[in-house]
């Protein structure tokens, strides 16, 4: 009689641990809600940056692999742009909203986190390190971003996305300045 509950203990423990993993991920904000917040409800029409030639080559260099799209949507209002980008943390994509302005990163927010670990990067104690960060001539971030113990791959993914959004922003603002 006493051995039956002990046989269930590993199953119960596995269920509790699995449930904890499920709570780590989730949708924290939809991309649509992020854009409405960023642009105070007056969201500009989306535009497209085609990833070809030098843009493809540089984005591949920044990410360490080809970005899995041939074009990226963005929203531009004056010299302020918003981007919804994804990068794999360990195994699953992390959807991130980024806003870039003339001073660099204005905002970085984790919108959807699908990993079982590393979810701490969604919190302001981590994301509040990004505002004001810019891209150096060598396409690195110009300031330090402290890591989070146990979230190394998620931190690395968000740093890559920050670099990519800053680079993309330069491309679209420069091309808009050149347009008649």
C-alpha atoms as a PDB file:
ATOM      1  CA  UNK A   1       0.000   0.000   0.000  1.00  0.00           C
ATOM      2  CA  UNK A   2       2.726   2.483   0.866  1.00  0.00           C
ATOM      3  CA  UNK A   3       4.670   1.780  -2.323  1.00  0.00           C
ATOM      4  CA  UNK A   4       1.882   2.896  -4.670  1.00  0.00           C
ATOM      5  CA  UNK A   5       2.157   6.618  -3.776  1.00  0.00           C
ATOM      6  CA  UNK A   6       5.967   6.402  -4.052  1.00  0.00           C
ATOM      7  CA  UNK A   7       5.601   5.086  -7.622  1.00  0.00           C
ATOM      8  CA  UNK A   8       3.539   8.156  -8.454  1.00  0.00           C
ATOM      9  CA  UNK A   9       6.073  10.591  -7.015  1.00  0.00           C
ATOM     10  CA  UNK A  10       8.324  10.679 -10.130  1.00  0.00           C
ATOM     11  CA  UNK A  11       5.274  11.225 -12.346  1.00  0.00           C
ATOM     12  CA  UNK A  12       3.973  14.011 -10.106  1.00  0.00           C
ATOM     13  CA  UNK A  13       7.408  15.618  -9.963  1.00  0.00           C
ATOM     14  CA  UNK A  14       7.725  15.467 -13.768  1.00  0.00           C
ATOM     15  CA  UNK A  15       4.320  17.116 -14.171  1.00  0.00           C
ATOM     16  CA  UNK A  16       5.199  19.919 -11.766  1.00  0.00           C
ATOM     17  CA  UNK A  17       8.533  20.559 -13.477  1.00  0.00           C
ATOM     18  CA  UNK A  18       6.908  20.476 -16.921  1.00  0.00           C
ATOM     19  CA  UNK A  19       4.243  22.945 -15.804  1.00  0.00           C
ATOM     20  CA  UNK A  20       6.986  25.294 -14.598  1.00  0.00           C
ATOM     21  CA  UNK A  21       8.577  25.176 -18.043  1.00  0.00           C
ATOM     22  CA  UNK A  22       5.274  25.994 -19.673  1.00  0.00           C
ATOM     23  CA  UNK A  23       4.840  29.051 -17.462  1.00  0.00           C
ATOM     24  CA  UNK A  24       8.237  30.399 -18.523  1.00  0.00           C
ATOM     25  CA  UNK A  25       7.189  31.021 -22.112  1.00  0.00           C
ATOM     26  CA  UNK A  26       4.240  32.829 -23.524  1.00  0.00           C
ATOM     27  CA  UNK A  27       2.929  35.862 -25.320  1.00  0.00           C
ATOM     28  CA  UNK A  28       3.599  38.941 -23.239  1.00  0.00           C
ATOM     29  CA  UNK A  29       2.355  41.439 -25.811  1.00  0.00           C
ATOM     30  CA  UNK A  30       1.072  40.960 -29.344  1.00  0.00           C
ATOM     31  CA  UNK A  31       2.990  42.686 -32.124  1.00  0.00           C
ATOM     32  CA  UNK A  32      -0.145  44.701 -32.914  1.00  0.00           C
ATOM     33  CA  UNK A  33      -0.452  45.944 -29.325  1.00  0.00           C
ATOM     34  CA  UNK A  34       3.257  46.779 -29.278  1.00  0.00           C
ATOM     35  CA  UNK A  35       2.908  48.918 -32.406  1.00  0.00           C
ATOM     36  CA  UNK A  36      -0.205  50.669 -31.077  1.00  0.00           C
ATOM     37  CA  UNK A  37       1.661  51.476 -27.865  1.00  0.00           C
ATOM     38  CA  UNK A  38       4.789  52.683 -29.685  1.00  0.00           C
ATOM     39  CA  UNK A  39       2.901  54.947 -32.076  1.00  0.00           C
ATOM     40  CA  UNK A  40       0.153  55.979 -29.617  1.00  0.00           C
ATOM     41  CA  UNK A  41      -2.532  54.304 -31.720  1.00  0.00           C
ATOM     42  CA  UNK A  42      -1.466  56.071 -34.948  1.00  0.00           C
ATOM     43  CA  UNK A  43       0.496  53.200 -36.517  1.00  0.00           C
ATOM     44  CA  UNK A  44       2.052  54.122 -39.880  1.00  0.00           C
ATOM     45  CA  UNK A  45       1.618  51.802 -42.837  1.00  0.00           C
ATOM     46  CA  UNK A  46       4.163  48.984 -42.849  1.00  0.00           C
ATOM     47  CA  UNK A  47       7.060  49.191 -45.270  1.00  0.00           C
ATOM     48  CA  UNK A  48       9.426  46.491 -46.468  1.00  0.00           C
ATOM     49  CA  UNK A  49      13.198  46.198 -46.369  1.00  0.00           C
ATOM     50  CA  UNK A  50      14.390  43.637 -48.907  1.00  0.00           C
ATOM     51  CA  UNK A  51      17.312  41.551 -47.678  1.00  0.00           C
ATOM     52  CA  UNK A  52      19.455  41.366 -50.790  1.00  0.00           C
ATOM     53  CA  UNK A  53      23.041  42.068 -51.781  1.00  0.00           C
ATOM     54  CA  UNK A  54      24.944  44.056 -49.118  1.00  0.00           C
ATOM     55  CA  UNK A  55      21.988  44.092 -46.710  1.00  0.00           C
ATOM     56  CA  UNK A  56      21.774  40.282 -46.837  1.00  0.00           C
ATOM     57  CA  UNK A  57      25.533  39.931 -46.420  1.00  0.00           C
ATOM     58  CA  UNK A  58      25.717  42.319 -43.463  1.00  0.00           C
ATOM     59  CA  UNK A  59      22.661  40.878 -41.726  1.00  0.00           C
ATOM     60  CA  UNK A  60      24.209  37.401 -42.089  1.00  0.00           C
ATOM     61  CA  UNK A  61      27.419  38.701 -40.531  1.00  0.00           C
ATOM     62  CA  UNK A  62      25.515  40.256 -37.608  1.00  0.00           C
ATOM     63  CA  UNK A  63      23.357  37.205 -36.921  1.00  0.00           C
ATOM     64  CA  UNK A  64      25.960  34.523 -37.632  1.00  0.00           C
ATOM     65  CA  UNK A  65      23.516  32.947 -40.107  1.00  0.00           C
ATOM     66  CA  UNK A  66      21.121  34.088 -42.813  1.00  0.00           C
ATOM     67  CA  UNK A  67      18.042  35.814 -41.465  1.00  0.00           C
ATOM     68  CA  UNK A  68      15.160  33.439 -42.331  1.00  0.00           C
ATOM     69  CA  UNK A  69      13.260  35.919 -44.506  1.00  0.00           C
ATOM     70  CA  UNK A  70      13.873  37.669 -47.795  1.00  0.00           C
ATOM     71  CA  UNK A  71      12.156  40.837 -46.602  1.00  0.00           C
ATOM     72  CA  UNK A  72      11.431  42.425 -43.242  1.00  0.00           C
ATOM     73  CA  UNK A  73       8.472  44.640 -42.404  1.00  0.00           C
ATOM     74  CA  UNK A  74       9.042  47.812 -40.459  1.00  0.00           C
ATOM     75  CA  UNK A  75       7.089  50.900 -39.452  1.00  0.00           C
ATOM     76  CA  UNK A  76       8.642  54.337 -39.958  1.00  0.00           C
ATOM     77  CA  UNK A  77       7.468  57.677 -38.623  1.00  0.00           C
ATOM     78  CA  UNK A  78       9.956  60.452 -39.349  1.00  0.00           C
ATOM     79  CA  UNK A  79      13.324  59.079 -38.252  1.00  0.00           C
ATOM     80  CA  UNK A  80      11.818  56.637 -35.753  1.00  0.00           C
ATOM     81  CA  UNK A  81      11.350  53.006 -36.776  1.00  0.00           C
ATOM     82  CA  UNK A  82       9.778  49.938 -35.205  1.00  0.00           C
ATOM     83  CA  UNK A  83      10.772  46.367 -35.972  1.00  0.00           C
ATOM     84  CA  UNK A  84       9.313  42.983 -35.053  1.00  0.00           C
ATOM     85  CA  UNK A  85      12.195  40.511 -35.365  1.00  0.00           C
ATOM     86  CA  UNK A  86      12.820  36.918 -34.322  1.00  0.00           C
ATOM     87  CA  UNK A  87      15.872  34.934 -33.359  1.00  0.00           C
ATOM     88  CA  UNK A  88      16.312  31.446 -31.968  1.00  0.00           C
ATOM     89  CA  UNK A  89      17.400  31.363 -28.339  1.00  0.00           C
ATOM     90  CA  UNK A  90      18.356  27.748 -27.775  1.00  0.00           C
ATOM     91  CA  UNK A  91      15.719  25.936 -29.812  1.00  0.00           C
ATOM     92  CA  UNK A  92      12.718  28.203 -30.412  1.00  0.00           C
ATOM     93  CA  UNK A  93      12.208  31.742 -31.756  1.00  0.00           C
ATOM     94  CA  UNK A  94      12.032  34.763 -29.472  1.00  0.00           C
ATOM     95  CA  UNK A  95       9.806  37.473 -30.994  1.00  0.00           C
ATOM     96  CA  UNK A  96      11.076  40.919 -30.093  1.00  0.00           C
ATOM     97  CA  UNK A  97       9.789  44.435 -30.699  1.00  0.00           C
ATOM     98  CA  UNK A  98      12.417  47.129 -31.119  1.00  0.00           C
ATOM     99  CA  UNK A  99      12.101  50.875 -31.608  1.00  0.00           C
ATOM    100  CA  UNK A 100      15.050  52.811 -33.000  1.00  0.00           C
ATOM    101  CA  UNK A 101      15.461  56.587 -33.177  1.00  0.00           C
ATOM    102  CA  UNK A 102      18.317  59.039 -33.777  1.00  0.00           C
ATOM    103  CA  UNK A 103      19.738  58.350 -30.306  1.00  0.00           C
ATOM    104  CA  UNK A 104      19.855  54.568 -30.892  1.00  0.00           C
ATOM    105  CA  UNK A 105      17.589  52.004 -29.306  1.00  0.00           C
ATOM    106  CA  UNK A 106      14.545  53.593 -27.762  1.00  0.00           C
ATOM    107  CA  UNK A 107      12.858  50.389 -26.623  1.00  0.00           C
ATOM    108  CA  UNK A 108      13.372  46.642 -26.725  1.00  0.00           C
ATOM    109  CA  UNK A 109      10.588  44.354 -25.580  1.00  0.00           C
ATOM    110  CA  UNK A 110      10.245  40.581 -25.649  1.00  0.00           C
ATOM    111  CA  UNK A 111       6.810  39.980 -27.172  1.00  0.00           C
ATOM    112  CA  UNK A 112       6.689  36.183 -27.419  1.00  0.00           C
ATOM    113  CA  UNK A 113       9.027  33.802 -25.632  1.00  0.00           C
ATOM    114  CA  UNK A 114       8.836  30.133 -26.610  1.00  0.00           C
ATOM    115  CA  UNK A 115      11.830  28.631 -24.799  1.00  0.00           C
ATOM    116  CA  UNK A 116      11.651  26.677 -21.556  1.00  0.00           C
ATOM    117  CA  UNK A 117      14.614  28.602 -20.105  1.00  0.00           C
ATOM    118  CA  UNK A 118      15.975  32.107 -20.286  1.00  0.00           C
ATOM    119  CA  UNK A 119      12.619  33.866 -19.923  1.00  0.00           C
ATOM    120  CA  UNK A 120      14.206  36.327 -17.483  1.00  0.00           C
ATOM    121  CA  UNK A 121      15.220  38.449 -20.479  1.00  0.00           C
ATOM    122  CA  UNK A 122      11.633  39.679 -20.743  1.00  0.00           C
ATOM    123  CA  UNK A 123      11.937  41.677 -17.514  1.00  0.00           C
ATOM    124  CA  UNK A 124      12.794  45.401 -17.363  1.00  0.00           C
ATOM    125  CA  UNK A 125      15.922  44.698 -15.275  1.00  0.00           C
ATOM    126  CA  UNK A 126      17.346  43.232 -18.493  1.00  0.00           C
ATOM    127  CA  UNK A 127      15.608  45.162 -21.308  1.00  0.00           C
ATOM    128  CA  UNK A 128      16.205  48.560 -19.635  1.00  0.00           C
ATOM    129  CA  UNK A 129      19.902  48.190 -20.515  1.00  0.00           C
ATOM    130  CA  UNK A 130      19.203  48.761 -24.234  1.00  0.00           C
ATOM    131  CA  UNK A 131      17.822  52.334 -24.534  1.00  0.00           C
ATOM    132  CA  UNK A 132      20.470  54.695 -25.870  1.00  0.00           C
ATOM    133  CA  UNK A 133      22.657  51.885 -27.203  1.00  0.00           C
ATOM    134  CA  UNK A 134      23.938  52.531 -30.723  1.00  0.00           C
ATOM    135  CA  UNK A 135      25.853  50.610 -33.355  1.00  0.00           C
ATOM    136  CA  UNK A 136      29.602  51.129 -33.714  1.00  0.00           C
ATOM    137  CA  UNK A 137      31.375  51.327 -37.064  1.00  0.00           C
ATOM    138  CA  UNK A 138      32.228  47.637 -36.552  1.00  0.00           C
ATOM    139  CA  UNK A 139      28.492  46.881 -36.132  1.00  0.00           C
ATOM    140  CA  UNK A 140      28.762  46.076 -32.426  1.00  0.00           C
ATOM    141  CA  UNK A 141      26.699  47.560 -29.619  1.00  0.00           C
ATOM    142  CA  UNK A 142      28.443  50.637 -28.194  1.00  0.00           C
ATOM    143  CA  UNK A 143      27.654  49.802 -24.573  1.00  0.00           C
ATOM    144  CA  UNK A 144      27.763  46.782 -22.321  1.00  0.00           C
ATOM    145  CA  UNK A 145      24.732  44.540 -21.844  1.00  0.00           C
ATOM    146  CA  UNK A 146      24.971  42.467 -18.680  1.00  0.00           C
ATOM    147  CA  UNK A 147      23.983  38.837 -19.077  1.00  0.00           C
ATOM    148  CA  UNK A 148      21.533  36.827 -17.022  1.00  0.00           C
ATOM    149  CA  UNK A 149      22.663  33.631 -15.345  1.00  0.00           C
ATOM    150  CA  UNK A 150      20.948  30.695 -17.034  1.00  0.00           C
ATOM    151  CA  UNK A 151      19.790  32.793 -19.991  1.00  0.00           C
ATOM    152  CA  UNK A 152      22.991  33.085 -22.002  1.00  0.00           C
ATOM    153  CA  UNK A 153      21.482  32.019 -25.329  1.00  0.00           C
ATOM    154  CA  UNK A 154      18.444  34.281 -24.894  1.00  0.00           C
ATOM    155  CA  UNK A 155      20.715  37.216 -24.033  1.00  0.00           C
ATOM    156  CA  UNK A 156      22.855  36.485 -27.088  1.00  0.00           C
ATOM    157  CA  UNK A 157      19.749  36.337 -29.306  1.00  0.00           C
ATOM    158  CA  UNK A 158      18.450  39.710 -28.083  1.00  0.00           C
ATOM    159  CA  UNK A 159      21.841  41.360 -28.504  1.00  0.00           C
ATOM    160  CA  UNK A 160      21.967  40.115 -32.111  1.00  0.00           C
ATOM    161  CA  UNK A 161      18.452  41.430 -32.749  1.00  0.00           C
ATOM    162  CA  UNK A 162      19.411  44.806 -31.274  1.00  0.00           C
ATOM    163  CA  UNK A 163      22.401  45.022 -33.620  1.00  0.00           C
ATOM    164  CA  UNK A 164      20.264  43.929 -36.563  1.00  0.00           C
ATOM    165  CA  UNK A 165      17.506  46.478 -35.878  1.00  0.00           C
ATOM    166  CA  UNK A 166      20.072  49.283 -35.541  1.00  0.00           C
ATOM    167  CA  UNK A 167      21.643  48.251 -38.849  1.00  0.00           C
ATOM    168  CA  UNK A 168      18.273  47.953 -40.597  1.00  0.00           C
ATOM    169  CA  UNK A 169      17.259  51.367 -39.231  1.00  0.00           C
ATOM    170  CA  UNK A 170      20.355  52.939 -40.776  1.00  0.00           C
ATOM    171  CA  UNK A 171      19.460  51.364 -44.102  1.00  0.00           C
ATOM    172  CA  UNK A 172      15.887  52.662 -44.205  1.00  0.00           C
ATOM    173  CA  UNK A 173      16.607  56.131 -42.790  1.00  0.00           C
ATOM    174  CA  UNK A 174      19.538  56.583 -45.183  1.00  0.00           C
ATOM    175  CA  UNK A 175      17.423  55.430 -48.156  1.00  0.00           C
ATOM    176  CA  UNK A 176      14.579  57.769 -47.137  1.00  0.00           C
ATOM    177  CA  UNK A 177      17.022  60.699 -46.812  1.00  0.00           C
ATOM    178  CA  UNK A 178      18.296  59.947 -50.337  1.00  0.00           C
ATOM    179  CA  UNK A 179      14.791  59.806 -51.832  1.00  0.00           C
ATOM    180  CA  UNK A 180      13.669  63.013 -53.604  1.00  0.00           C
END
